[in-house]
Amino acid sequence: MFPLKDNVPSRSFPVMTVGLIVVNCLVFFAEVAMGSRALEGFVTRNGLVPQVVTGYFSGEGLPVWRVFLPFLTSIFLHGGWIHLLGNMWYLWIFGDNVEDRLGRVRFLGFYVLCGLVGNLAHYLANSGSAMPAIGASGAIAGVLGAYAVSYPRARVTVLIPLFIVMEFIELPAMLVLGFWFVLQFLNGAASFVVSSETGGVAWWAHIGGFVGGIGLLFLFRPRPRTWRRVSEDAGTQH
């Protein structure tokens, strides 16, 4: 099933969500403008290569920035048009509401941290891989996790292809995102049996980002104003 829209309107223009989409697109356009050899070197340097991280901890003399900076830079790289458009579409649908809930600055920090958590999960599950991992999927998975917790009663219109017929159905967001997470988990578990050294999807970045997003939501969510007001009123009564 492919999500098309949700029924939760934004309270304000999602400046940070749009900004992240623009940045990801600009970086991808820069990738496209590179020659194939230059692009390969660029992705190797800025993508997350688990084998490089493992080598550092094994005592190889690698600069710290070369080992750990890709945990961040890889979040803004994509491996093709479908990869980019799919990620940005999910960010557009679900990111605006999470930005509403957290506020713009908190949302940016939340997004980046979810990406880092997702990359950490990918590394732990693939510590010997020499394949560079790139993409915003871990960060966006965190947004999906936060959305599921923040808007449990929301509904999402999805497109379900049934042979040659396209069916549009409105489903509970918890069902859509829950199905998405279970699918990621099953594929992640299967990846331990089937080698993905020739490329593929960083399933554990999705899983780690989603779970991390749920946990980080409670760290980044602003304290309710009503709680503060009641506390202040209670304090003046003593």
Protein backbone atom coordinates (compact mmCIF):
# COMPACT_ATOMS: atom_id res chain seq x y z
CA MET A 1 0.00 0.00 0.00
CA PHE A 2 1.22 3.49 -0.87
CA PRO A 3 0.13 6.49 1.27
CA LEU A 4 -1.29 9.47 -0.57
CA LYS A 5 -2.43 11.84 2.19
CA ASP A 6 -3.53 11.98 5.81
CA ASN A 7 -6.50 13.73 7.40
CA VAL A 8 -4.53 15.81 9.92
CA PRO A 9 -4.19 19.42 8.68
CA SER A 10 -1.05 21.41 9.44
CA ARG A 11 -1.50 24.28 11.87
CA SER A 12 1.24 26.28 10.14
CA PHE A 13 3.43 26.09 7.07
CA PRO A 14 5.98 23.26 7.59
CA VAL A 15 9.10 25.36 7.03
CA MET A 16 11.58 22.76 8.28
CA THR A 17 9.96 19.86 6.46
CA VAL A 18 10.03 21.76 3.17
CA GLY A 19 13.59 22.90 3.91
CA LEU A 20 14.75 19.32 4.42
CA ILE A 21 13.09 18.25 1.18
CA VAL A 22 14.82 21.08 -0.69
CA VAL A 23 18.23 20.24 0.81
CA ASN A 24 17.88 16.55 -0.05
CA CYS A 25 16.88 17.41 -3.61
CA LEU A 26 19.75 19.87 -4.08
CA VAL A 27 22.28 17.34 -2.83
CA PHE A 28 20.84 14.73 -5.18
CA PHE A 29 21.04 17.14 -8.13
CA ALA A 30 24.71 17.68 -7.23
CA GLU A 31 25.19 13.90 -7.28
CA VAL A 32 23.56 13.64 -10.70
CA ALA A 33 25.88 16.34 -12.04
CA MET A 34 28.97 14.31 -11.10
CA GLY A 35 30.62 11.86 -13.42
CA SER A 36 30.27 8.19 -12.54
CA ARG A 37 33.82 7.89 -11.19
CA ALA A 38 33.56 11.09 -9.12
CA LEU A 39 30.14 9.99 -7.81
CA GLU A 40 31.48 6.60 -6.74
CA GLY A 41 34.26 8.24 -4.74
CA PHE A 42 31.84 10.79 -3.27
CA VAL A 43 29.44 8.10 -2.07
CA THR A 44 32.26 5.98 -0.65
CA ARG A 45 33.59 8.94 1.35
CA ASN A 46 30.23 10.27 2.54
CA GLY A 47 28.15 7.11 2.77
CA LEU A 48 28.23 4.95 5.87
CA VAL A 49 30.58 2.00 5.28
CA PRO A 50 30.25 -0.34 8.29
CA GLN A 51 33.56 -2.05 7.51
CA VAL A 52 35.38 1.28 7.90
CA VAL A 53 33.84 1.83 11.35
CA THR A 54 34.74 -1.70 12.42
CA GLY A 55 38.28 -1.16 11.16
CA TYR A 56 38.61 1.95 13.30
CA PHE A 57 37.61 0.05 16.44
CA SER A 58 40.01 -2.72 15.45
CA GLY A 59 42.91 -0.29 15.61
CA GLU A 60 43.29 0.81 12.00
CA GLY A 61 44.79 4.29 11.78
CA LEU A 62 41.83 6.13 10.30
CA PRO A 63 40.94 9.79 10.92
CA VAL A 64 37.97 10.17 13.24
CA TRP A 65 36.08 12.40 10.79
CA ARG A 66 36.43 9.77 8.05
CA VAL A 67 34.84 7.17 10.32
CA PHE A 68 32.03 9.04 12.05
CA LEU A 69 31.07 11.99 9.80
CA PRO A 70 29.34 9.65 7.30
CA PHE A 71 26.82 8.76 10.02
CA LEU A 72 25.53 12.31 9.37
CA THR A 73 26.35 13.01 5.71
CA SER A 74 24.85 9.74 4.47
CA ILE A 75 21.42 10.93 5.67
CA PHE A 76 21.34 13.50 2.85
CA LEU A 77 22.45 11.24 -0.02
CA HIS A 78 20.25 9.09 -2.26
CA GLY A 79 20.92 6.33 -4.74
CA GLY A 80 18.43 7.22 -7.46
CA TRP A 81 15.25 9.07 -8.38
CA ILE A 82 12.91 6.46 -6.93
CA HIS A 83 14.90 6.39 -3.69
CA LEU A 84 14.75 10.18 -3.41
CA LEU A 85 11.11 10.67 -4.43
CA GLY A 86 9.86 7.85 -2.20
CA ASN A 87 11.63 9.25 0.85
CA MET A 88 10.60 12.84 0.19
CA TRP A 89 6.97 11.82 -0.36
CA TYR A 90 6.79 10.12 3.03
CA LEU A 91 8.50 13.13 4.64
CA TRP A 92 5.98 15.50 3.00
CA ILE A 93 2.93 13.52 4.16
CA PHE A 94 3.98 12.84 7.76
CA GLY A 95 6.69 15.39 8.52
CA ASP A 96 4.47 18.47 8.69
CA ASN A 97 2.39 17.09 11.56
CA VAL A 98 5.41 15.97 13.57
CA GLU A 99 6.92 19.42 13.00
CA ASP A 100 3.65 20.87 14.34
CA ARG A 101 3.96 18.73 17.44
CA LEU A 102 7.65 19.43 18.14
CA GLY A 103 8.22 22.91 16.75
CA ARG A 104 10.63 23.74 13.92
CA VAL A 105 13.96 23.72 15.74
CA ARG A 106 13.15 20.63 17.80
CA PHE A 107 11.96 18.87 14.67
CA LEU A 108 15.27 19.44 12.91
CA GLY A 109 17.23 18.05 15.85
CA PHE A 110 14.78 15.14 16.11
CA TYR A 111 15.12 14.35 12.40
CA VAL A 112 18.91 14.31 12.46
CA LEU A 113 19.08 12.20 15.62
CA CYS A 114 16.65 9.67 14.17
CA GLY A 115 18.91 9.41 11.14
CA LEU A 116 21.93 8.82 13.38
CA VAL A 117 20.08 6.17 15.40
CA GLY A 118 18.99 4.47 12.19
CA ASN A 119 22.56 4.45 10.90
CA LEU A 120 23.80 3.04 14.19
CA ALA A 121 21.26 0.22 13.94
CA HIS A 122 22.38 -0.45 10.36
CA TYR A 123 26.02 -0.60 11.47
CA LEU A 124 25.30 -2.97 14.35
CA ALA A 125 23.41 -5.31 12.00
CA ASN A 126 25.99 -5.12 9.19
CA SER A 127 29.32 -4.42 10.86
CA GLY A 128 31.34 -6.30 8.24
CA SER A 129 29.71 -4.79 5.15
CA ALA A 130 31.84 -2.89 2.67
CA MET A 131 28.77 -1.44 0.93
CA PRO A 132 28.14 2.31 1.52
CA ALA A 133 24.69 2.94 3.02
CA ILE A 134 23.00 6.17 2.00
CA GLY A 135 19.54 7.70 2.31
CA ALA A 136 17.21 9.61 4.59
CA SER A 137 15.13 6.50 5.31
CA GLY A 138 16.28 6.13 8.92
CA ALA A 139 15.43 9.75 9.71
CA ILE A 140 12.07 9.52 7.96
CA ALA A 141 11.32 6.23 9.72
CA GLY A 142 11.76 8.17 12.96
CA VAL A 143 9.20 10.67 11.73
CA LEU A 144 6.80 7.80 11.03
CA GLY A 145 7.27 6.41 14.53
CA ALA A 146 6.64 9.81 16.08
CA TYR A 147 3.56 10.31 13.90
CA ALA A 148 2.10 6.95 14.93
CA VAL A 149 2.41 7.85 18.62
CA SER A 150 1.33 11.49 18.25
CA TYR A 151 -1.70 10.93 16.03
CA PRO A 152 -3.04 7.45 16.85
CA ARG A 153 -6.55 8.32 15.56
CA ALA A 154 -5.40 9.80 12.25
CA ARG A 155 -6.44 8.21 8.99
CA VAL A 156 -4.39 7.83 5.83
CA THR A 157 -5.62 7.47 2.26
CA VAL A 158 -3.60 4.74 0.56
CA LEU A 159 -3.33 3.40 -2.96
CA ILE A 160 -3.60 -0.39 -3.18
CA PRO A 161 -2.91 -1.95 -6.60
CA LEU A 162 -5.19 -4.94 -7.19
CA PHE A 163 -3.95 -6.52 -10.41
CA ILE A 164 -4.92 -3.92 -13.04
CA VAL A 165 -7.26 -1.96 -10.72
CA MET A 166 -6.09 0.83 -8.42
CA GLU A 167 -8.06 0.98 -5.16
CA PHE A 168 -8.09 4.07 -2.94
CA ILE A 169 -8.87 3.27 0.69
CA GLU A 170 -8.78 5.34 3.89
CA LEU A 171 -7.22 3.35 6.73
CA PRO A 172 -6.16 4.12 10.32
CA ALA A 173 -2.65 5.54 10.40
CA MET A 174 -1.69 3.02 13.08
CA LEU A 175 -2.59 0.20 10.70
CA VAL A 176 -0.68 1.69 7.76
CA LEU A 177 2.45 2.51 9.78
CA GLY A 178 2.22 -0.70 11.80
CA PHE A 179 2.09 -2.73 8.58
CA TRP A 180 5.07 -0.73 7.28
CA PHE A 181 7.10 -1.46 10.42
CA VAL A 182 6.28 -5.19 10.43
CA LEU A 183 7.35 -5.39 6.78
CA GLN A 184 10.66 -3.69 7.60
CA PHE A 185 11.23 -6.04 10.55
CA LEU A 186 10.54 -9.18 8.52
CA ASN A 187 12.87 -8.05 5.77
CA GLY A 188 15.49 -7.06 8.33
CA ALA A 189 15.32 -10.50 9.92
CA ALA A 190 15.59 -12.13 6.48
CA SER A 191 18.68 -10.04 5.71
CA PHE A 192 20.62 -12.03 8.32
CA VAL A 193 20.03 -15.14 6.22
CA VAL A 194 20.35 -13.68 2.72
CA SER A 195 23.49 -11.64 2.08
CA SER A 196 22.91 -8.08 0.83
CA GLU A 197 26.51 -7.32 -0.13
CA THR A 198 25.47 -6.62 -3.70
CA GLY A 199 23.26 -3.74 -2.59
CA GLY A 200 19.69 -3.37 -1.46
CA VAL A 201 17.69 -1.74 1.33
CA ALA A 202 19.10 -0.84 4.76
CA TRP A 203 16.22 -2.49 6.61
CA TRP A 204 17.75 -2.08 10.06
CA ALA A 205 18.19 1.65 9.52
CA HIS A 206 14.41 1.78 9.03
CA ILE A 207 13.75 -0.33 12.11
CA GLY A 208 16.20 1.59 14.30
CA GLY A 209 14.94 4.95 13.06
CA PHE A 210 11.28 4.04 13.72
CA VAL A 211 11.92 2.77 17.25
CA GLY A 212 14.31 5.65 17.92
CA GLY A 213 11.68 8.14 16.75
CA ILE A 214 9.19 6.85 19.28
CA GLY A 215 11.73 7.15 22.09
CA LEU A 216 13.11 10.52 21.01
CA LEU A 217 9.63 11.97 20.71
CA PHE A 218 9.30 12.05 24.49
CA LEU A 219 12.69 13.76 24.78
CA PHE A 220 11.93 16.46 22.20
CA ARG A 221 8.22 17.02 22.79
CA PRO A 222 7.66 20.41 24.48
CA ARG A 223 6.05 20.40 27.90
CA PRO A 224 2.28 21.08 27.63
CA ARG A 225 1.43 24.72 28.32
CA THR A 226 -1.64 23.75 30.33
CA TRP A 227 0.55 21.77 32.73
CA ARG A 228 2.83 24.76 33.26
CA ARG A 229 -0.11 27.09 33.83
CA VAL A 230 -1.71 24.79 36.39
CA SER A 231 1.61 24.37 38.19
CA GLU A 232 2.18 28.11 38.32
CA ASP A 233 -1.36 28.73 39.63
CA ALA A 234 -0.94 26.04 42.25
CA GLY A 235 2.31 27.63 43.37
CA THR A 236 0.68 31.00 43.98
CA GLN A 237 -1.91 29.50 46.29
CA HIS A 238 0.57 28.46 48.99
